[in-house]
């Protein structure tokens, strides 16, 4: 048989604005793809012409019940939040960041994080049992492009800072000169807006 090839439009990646920059803050959107999947219920069995969730790629999803992919993603996010992230803090306090115990806790947490993020990839994997001709995967990247472009516009136009690069779930912002603490504070201010 012939092999299926995925051809949907991927994530937004902004061309780097050439130049030499100082005072760059990198802002990363936590759980971007999993959050999009949960927000729009992007699980293949939830696609419906009568769906009440509309995306610009003309795919509609039912908001209820919660889709299988969403249930799995929520489970992993909660597992990480309740078990693995606190374990990292516990191992750091008890053994220090150079200990094997701390290193293993970080690896366990990373494994759960990677598993959670892999659900998006599975949606676009052409040999997946859940493959739906890229409808779910393309819906995730469609929503990502909307979100990241909105954030870039907001930071550039409303906050009057310069975004010099973005890739999927991160933006690189040039701010006024300051020491490390000032830059950290400025990054938190931008994040909170």
C-alpha atoms as a PDB file:
ATOM      1  CA  UNK A   1       0.000   0.000   0.000  1.00  0.00           C
ATOM      2  CA  UNK A   2       0.943   3.613  -0.311  1.00  0.00           C
ATOM      3  CA  UNK A   3       2.169   5.467   2.742  1.00  0.00           C
ATOM      4  CA  UNK A   4       0.087   8.377   4.023  1.00  0.00           C
ATOM      5  CA  UNK A   5       1.929  11.676   4.368  1.00  0.00           C
ATOM      6  CA  UNK A   6       0.925  14.428   6.763  1.00  0.00           C
ATOM      7  CA  UNK A   7       0.763  17.814   5.035  1.00  0.00           C
ATOM      8  CA  UNK A   8      -1.044  20.144   7.435  1.00  0.00           C
ATOM      9  CA  UNK A   9       0.290  23.574   8.381  1.00  0.00           C
ATOM     10  CA  UNK A  10       2.480  23.452  11.480  1.00  0.00           C
ATOM     11  CA  UNK A  11       3.256  25.832  14.299  1.00  0.00           C
ATOM     12  CA  UNK A  12       4.088  29.500  13.909  1.00  0.00           C
ATOM     13  CA  UNK A  13       7.817  30.185  13.697  1.00  0.00           C
ATOM     14  CA  UNK A  14       8.815  33.810  13.269  1.00  0.00           C
ATOM     15  CA  UNK A  15      11.898  34.663  11.240  1.00  0.00           C
ATOM     16  CA  UNK A  16      14.592  36.154  13.435  1.00  0.00           C
ATOM     17  CA  UNK A  17      14.876  39.914  13.043  1.00  0.00           C
ATOM     18  CA  UNK A  18      18.615  40.292  12.279  1.00  0.00           C
ATOM     19  CA  UNK A  19      20.746  42.299  14.667  1.00  0.00           C
ATOM     20  CA  UNK A  20      22.716  42.204  17.878  1.00  0.00           C
ATOM     21  CA  UNK A  21      20.444  42.345  20.913  1.00  0.00           C
ATOM     22  CA  UNK A  22      20.889  42.711  24.627  1.00  0.00           C
ATOM     23  CA  UNK A  23      18.361  42.354  27.446  1.00  0.00           C
ATOM     24  CA  UNK A  24      16.355  39.583  25.855  1.00  0.00           C
ATOM     25  CA  UNK A  25      13.618  37.879  27.825  1.00  0.00           C
ATOM     26  CA  UNK A  26      12.371  34.487  26.697  1.00  0.00           C
ATOM     27  CA  UNK A  27       8.741  33.815  27.579  1.00  0.00           C
ATOM     28  CA  UNK A  28       7.537  30.241  27.269  1.00  0.00           C
ATOM     29  CA  UNK A  29       3.867  29.271  27.324  1.00  0.00           C
ATOM     30  CA  UNK A  30       3.517  26.394  29.760  1.00  0.00           C
ATOM     31  CA  UNK A  31       1.702  23.307  28.400  1.00  0.00           C
ATOM     32  CA  UNK A  32       0.742  25.110  25.199  1.00  0.00           C
ATOM     33  CA  UNK A  33      -0.282  22.135  23.063  1.00  0.00           C
ATOM     34  CA  UNK A  34      -1.883  20.201  25.930  1.00  0.00           C
ATOM     35  CA  UNK A  35      -3.753  23.382  26.951  1.00  0.00           C
ATOM     36  CA  UNK A  36      -5.025  23.852  23.404  1.00  0.00           C
ATOM     37  CA  UNK A  37      -6.128  20.212  23.232  1.00  0.00           C
ATOM     38  CA  UNK A  38      -8.033  20.606  26.512  1.00  0.00           C
ATOM     39  CA  UNK A  39      -9.550  23.993  25.613  1.00  0.00           C
ATOM     40  CA  UNK A  40     -10.862  22.893  22.210  1.00  0.00           C
ATOM     41  CA  UNK A  41     -11.445  19.193  23.049  1.00  0.00           C
ATOM     42  CA  UNK A  42      -9.308  18.183  20.069  1.00  0.00           C
ATOM     43  CA  UNK A  43      -9.801  14.462  20.199  1.00  0.00           C
ATOM     44  CA  UNK A  44     -10.710  12.721  16.907  1.00  0.00           C
ATOM     45  CA  UNK A  45     -13.977  11.249  18.183  1.00  0.00           C
ATOM     46  CA  UNK A  46     -15.162  14.763  19.130  1.00  0.00           C
ATOM     47  CA  UNK A  47     -15.106  16.071  15.533  1.00  0.00           C
ATOM     48  CA  UNK A  48     -18.637  16.816  14.405  1.00  0.00           C
ATOM     49  CA  UNK A  49     -20.382  19.030  11.866  1.00  0.00           C
ATOM     50  CA  UNK A  50     -22.694  19.968  14.751  1.00  0.00           C
ATOM     51  CA  UNK A  51     -19.793  20.716  17.114  1.00  0.00           C
ATOM     52  CA  UNK A  52     -20.064  23.895  19.165  1.00  0.00           C
ATOM     53  CA  UNK A  53     -16.304  24.627  19.107  1.00  0.00           C
ATOM     54  CA  UNK A  54     -15.218  26.294  15.849  1.00  0.00           C
ATOM     55  CA  UNK A  55     -11.651  26.759  14.645  1.00  0.00           C
ATOM     56  CA  UNK A  56     -10.505  28.793  11.605  1.00  0.00           C
ATOM     57  CA  UNK A  57      -9.387  25.610   9.819  1.00  0.00           C
ATOM     58  CA  UNK A  58     -13.112  24.770   9.502  1.00  0.00           C
ATOM     59  CA  UNK A  59     -12.970  21.844  11.908  1.00  0.00           C
ATOM     60  CA  UNK A  60     -15.643  21.690  14.580  1.00  0.00           C
ATOM     61  CA  UNK A  61     -15.442  19.828  17.885  1.00  0.00           C
ATOM     62  CA  UNK A  62     -18.128  18.922  20.389  1.00  0.00           C
ATOM     63  CA  UNK A  63     -17.383  20.449  23.799  1.00  0.00           C
ATOM     64  CA  UNK A  64     -18.932  17.490  25.628  1.00  0.00           C
ATOM     65  CA  UNK A  65     -18.197  14.848  26.616  1.00  0.00           C
ATOM     66  CA  UNK A  66     -14.474  15.196  27.190  1.00  0.00           C
ATOM     67  CA  UNK A  67     -12.491  13.409  24.479  1.00  0.00           C
ATOM     68  CA  UNK A  68     -10.163  10.475  25.105  1.00  0.00           C
ATOM     69  CA  UNK A  69      -7.039  12.491  24.235  1.00  0.00           C
ATOM     70  CA  UNK A  70      -8.132  15.279  26.585  1.00  0.00           C
ATOM     71  CA  UNK A  71      -8.749  12.814  29.424  1.00  0.00           C
ATOM     72  CA  UNK A  72      -5.248  11.373  28.985  1.00  0.00           C
ATOM     73  CA  UNK A  73      -3.583  14.803  28.782  1.00  0.00           C
ATOM     74  CA  UNK A  74      -5.433  16.056  31.886  1.00  0.00           C
ATOM     75  CA  UNK A  75      -4.464  12.924  33.788  1.00  0.00           C
ATOM     76  CA  UNK A  76      -0.765  13.380  32.969  1.00  0.00           C
ATOM     77  CA  UNK A  77      -0.759  17.118  33.771  1.00  0.00           C
ATOM     78  CA  UNK A  78      -2.376  16.441  37.143  1.00  0.00           C
ATOM     79  CA  UNK A  79      -0.045  13.526  37.853  1.00  0.00           C
ATOM     80  CA  UNK A  80       2.947  15.723  37.164  1.00  0.00           C
ATOM     81  CA  UNK A  81       1.589  18.599  39.250  1.00  0.00           C
ATOM     82  CA  UNK A  82       0.586  16.457  42.225  1.00  0.00           C
ATOM     83  CA  UNK A  83       3.376  13.872  42.293  1.00  0.00           C
ATOM     84  CA  UNK A  84       6.424  14.536  40.164  1.00  0.00           C
ATOM     85  CA  UNK A  85       7.032  18.290  40.451  1.00  0.00           C
ATOM     86  CA  UNK A  86       6.719  18.220  44.286  1.00  0.00           C
ATOM     87  CA  UNK A  87       9.097  15.247  44.324  1.00  0.00           C
ATOM     88  CA  UNK A  88      11.755  17.329  42.561  1.00  0.00           C
ATOM     89  CA  UNK A  89      11.479  19.991  45.272  1.00  0.00           C
ATOM     90  CA  UNK A  90      11.595  17.333  47.993  1.00  0.00           C
ATOM     91  CA  UNK A  91      14.718  15.677  46.536  1.00  0.00           C
ATOM     92  CA  UNK A  92      16.423  19.053  46.113  1.00  0.00           C
ATOM     93  CA  UNK A  93      15.818  19.964  49.762  1.00  0.00           C
ATOM     94  CA  UNK A  94      16.740  16.524  51.059  1.00  0.00           C
ATOM     95  CA  UNK A  95      19.735  15.624  48.856  1.00  0.00           C
ATOM     96  CA  UNK A  96      20.707  18.701  46.792  1.00  0.00           C
ATOM     97  CA  UNK A  97      20.669  19.324  43.041  1.00  0.00           C
ATOM     98  CA  UNK A  98      23.798  17.259  42.388  1.00  0.00           C
ATOM     99  CA  UNK A  99      22.382  14.073  43.908  1.00  0.00           C
ATOM    100  CA  UNK A 100      21.240  10.973  42.042  1.00  0.00           C
ATOM    101  CA  UNK A 101      17.885  11.223  43.842  1.00  0.00           C
ATOM    102  CA  UNK A 102      17.307  14.728  42.488  1.00  0.00           C
ATOM    103  CA  UNK A 103      18.448  13.720  38.998  1.00  0.00           C
ATOM    104  CA  UNK A 104      16.049  10.756  38.957  1.00  0.00           C
ATOM    105  CA  UNK A 105      13.161  12.938  40.149  1.00  0.00           C
ATOM    106  CA  UNK A 106      13.854  15.389  37.300  1.00  0.00           C
ATOM    107  CA  UNK A 107      13.993  12.518  34.786  1.00  0.00           C
ATOM    108  CA  UNK A 108      10.707  11.074  36.070  1.00  0.00           C
ATOM    109  CA  UNK A 109       9.052  14.489  35.769  1.00  0.00           C
ATOM    110  CA  UNK A 110      10.474  14.966  32.266  1.00  0.00           C
ATOM    111  CA  UNK A 111       9.153  11.546  31.228  1.00  0.00           C
ATOM    112  CA  UNK A 112       5.610  12.473  32.269  1.00  0.00           C
ATOM    113  CA  UNK A 113       5.935  15.899  30.591  1.00  0.00           C
ATOM    114  CA  UNK A 114       7.163  14.299  27.353  1.00  0.00           C
ATOM    115  CA  UNK A 115       4.386  11.716  27.436  1.00  0.00           C
ATOM    116  CA  UNK A 116       1.827  14.497  27.789  1.00  0.00           C
ATOM    117  CA  UNK A 117       3.310  16.458  24.888  1.00  0.00           C
ATOM    118  CA  UNK A 118       3.494  13.333  22.711  1.00  0.00           C
ATOM    119  CA  UNK A 119      -0.299  13.179  22.372  1.00  0.00           C
ATOM    120  CA  UNK A 120      -0.162  15.994  19.826  1.00  0.00           C
ATOM    121  CA  UNK A 121       2.380  14.041  17.785  1.00  0.00           C
ATOM    122  CA  UNK A 122       0.197  10.953  17.959  1.00  0.00           C
ATOM    123  CA  UNK A 123      -2.723  12.926  16.531  1.00  0.00           C
ATOM    124  CA  UNK A 124      -0.624  13.713  13.446  1.00  0.00           C
ATOM    125  CA  UNK A 125       1.004  10.287  13.139  1.00  0.00           C
ATOM    126  CA  UNK A 126      -0.415   8.766   9.964  1.00  0.00           C
ATOM    127  CA  UNK A 127      -0.186   5.175  11.295  1.00  0.00           C
ATOM    128  CA  UNK A 128      -1.986   6.015  14.535  1.00  0.00           C
ATOM    129  CA  UNK A 129      -5.250   4.200  15.211  1.00  0.00           C
ATOM    130  CA  UNK A 130      -6.671   7.644  15.980  1.00  0.00           C
ATOM    131  CA  UNK A 131      -5.411   9.291  12.789  1.00  0.00           C
ATOM    132  CA  UNK A 132      -8.154  11.458  11.285  1.00  0.00           C
ATOM    133  CA  UNK A 133      -6.560  12.892   8.132  1.00  0.00           C
ATOM    134  CA  UNK A 134      -4.794  15.558  10.227  1.00  0.00           C
ATOM    135  CA  UNK A 135      -8.031  17.172  11.413  1.00  0.00           C
ATOM    136  CA  UNK A 136      -7.164  17.094  15.126  1.00  0.00           C
ATOM    137  CA  UNK A 137      -3.434  17.795  14.721  1.00  0.00           C
ATOM    138  CA  UNK A 138      -4.052  20.650  12.284  1.00  0.00           C
ATOM    139  CA  UNK A 139      -6.600  22.099  14.709  1.00  0.00           C
ATOM    140  CA  UNK A 140      -3.985  22.185  17.469  1.00  0.00           C
ATOM    141  CA  UNK A 141      -1.473  24.038  15.277  1.00  0.00           C
ATOM    142  CA  UNK A 142      -4.213  26.326  13.950  1.00  0.00           C
ATOM    143  CA  UNK A 143      -5.059  27.357  17.522  1.00  0.00           C
ATOM    144  CA  UNK A 144      -1.334  27.687  18.348  1.00  0.00           C
ATOM    145  CA  UNK A 145      -0.839  30.132  15.487  1.00  0.00           C
ATOM    146  CA  UNK A 146      -3.791  32.219  16.666  1.00  0.00           C
ATOM    147  CA  UNK A 147      -2.518  32.309  20.255  1.00  0.00           C
ATOM    148  CA  UNK A 148       1.154  33.028  19.547  1.00  0.00           C
ATOM    149  CA  UNK A 149       0.367  35.690  16.922  1.00  0.00           C
ATOM    150  CA  UNK A 150      -2.038  37.382  19.331  1.00  0.00           C
ATOM    151  CA  UNK A 151       0.669  37.394  22.024  1.00  0.00           C
ATOM    152  CA  UNK A 152       3.253  38.818  19.612  1.00  0.00           C
ATOM    153  CA  UNK A 153       0.858  41.580  18.512  1.00  0.00           C
ATOM    154  CA  UNK A 154      -0.011  42.385  22.128  1.00  0.00           C
ATOM    155  CA  UNK A 155       3.640  42.607  23.223  1.00  0.00           C
ATOM    156  CA  UNK A 156       4.647  44.681  20.158  1.00  0.00           C
ATOM    157  CA  UNK A 157       1.651  47.022  19.947  1.00  0.00           C
ATOM    158  CA  UNK A 158       0.201  47.281  23.454  1.00  0.00           C
ATOM    159  CA  UNK A 159       3.284  46.825  25.628  1.00  0.00           C
ATOM    160  CA  UNK A 160       5.585  48.547  23.088  1.00  0.00           C
ATOM    161  CA  UNK A 161       8.361  45.961  23.286  1.00  0.00           C
ATOM    162  CA  UNK A 162      10.022  44.291  20.323  1.00  0.00           C
ATOM    163  CA  UNK A 163       9.531  40.573  19.724  1.00  0.00           C
ATOM    164  CA  UNK A 164      12.542  39.498  17.682  1.00  0.00           C
ATOM    165  CA  UNK A 165      11.750  35.794  17.376  1.00  0.00           C
ATOM    166  CA  UNK A 166       9.177  33.181  18.267  1.00  0.00           C
ATOM    167  CA  UNK A 167       8.995  29.443  17.886  1.00  0.00           C
ATOM    168  CA  UNK A 168       5.841  27.443  18.646  1.00  0.00           C
ATOM    169  CA  UNK A 169       5.351  28.241  22.332  1.00  0.00           C
ATOM    170  CA  UNK A 170       8.021  30.851  23.079  1.00  0.00           C
ATOM    171  CA  UNK A 171       8.708  34.483  22.276  1.00  0.00           C
ATOM    172  CA  UNK A 172      11.961  36.409  22.545  1.00  0.00           C
ATOM    173  CA  UNK A 173      11.430  39.992  23.684  1.00  0.00           C
ATOM    174  CA  UNK A 174      13.913  42.885  23.844  1.00  0.00           C
ATOM    175  CA  UNK A 175      13.391  45.120  26.881  1.00  0.00           C
ATOM    176  CA  UNK A 176      15.198  48.095  28.343  1.00  0.00           C
ATOM    177  CA  UNK A 177      18.596  47.608  29.969  1.00  0.00           C
ATOM    178  CA  UNK A 178      18.728  46.245  33.483  1.00  0.00           C
ATOM    179  CA  UNK A 179      20.467  43.762  35.734  1.00  0.00           C
ATOM    180  CA  UNK A 180      19.446  40.108  36.001  1.00  0.00           C
ATOM    181  CA  UNK A 181      16.878  40.772  38.752  1.00  0.00           C
ATOM    182  CA  UNK A 182      15.303  43.615  36.779  1.00  0.00           C
ATOM    183  CA  UNK A 183      15.019  41.443  33.678  1.00  0.00           C
ATOM    184  CA  UNK A 184      13.427  38.639  35.692  1.00  0.00           C
ATOM    185  CA  UNK A 185      10.939  41.118  37.181  1.00  0.00           C
ATOM    186  CA  UNK A 186      10.177  42.556  33.732  1.00  0.00           C
ATOM    187  CA  UNK A 187       9.601  39.056  32.336  1.00  0.00           C
ATOM    188  CA  UNK A 188       7.100  38.326  35.120  1.00  0.00           C
ATOM    189  CA  UNK A 189       5.342  41.648  34.453  1.00  0.00           C
ATOM    190  CA  UNK A 190       4.980  40.857  30.748  1.00  0.00           C
ATOM    191  CA  UNK A 191       3.804  37.317  31.545  1.00  0.00           C
ATOM    192  CA  UNK A 192       1.127  38.601  33.927  1.00  0.00           C
ATOM    193  CA  UNK A 193      -0.322  41.022  31.346  1.00  0.00           C
END
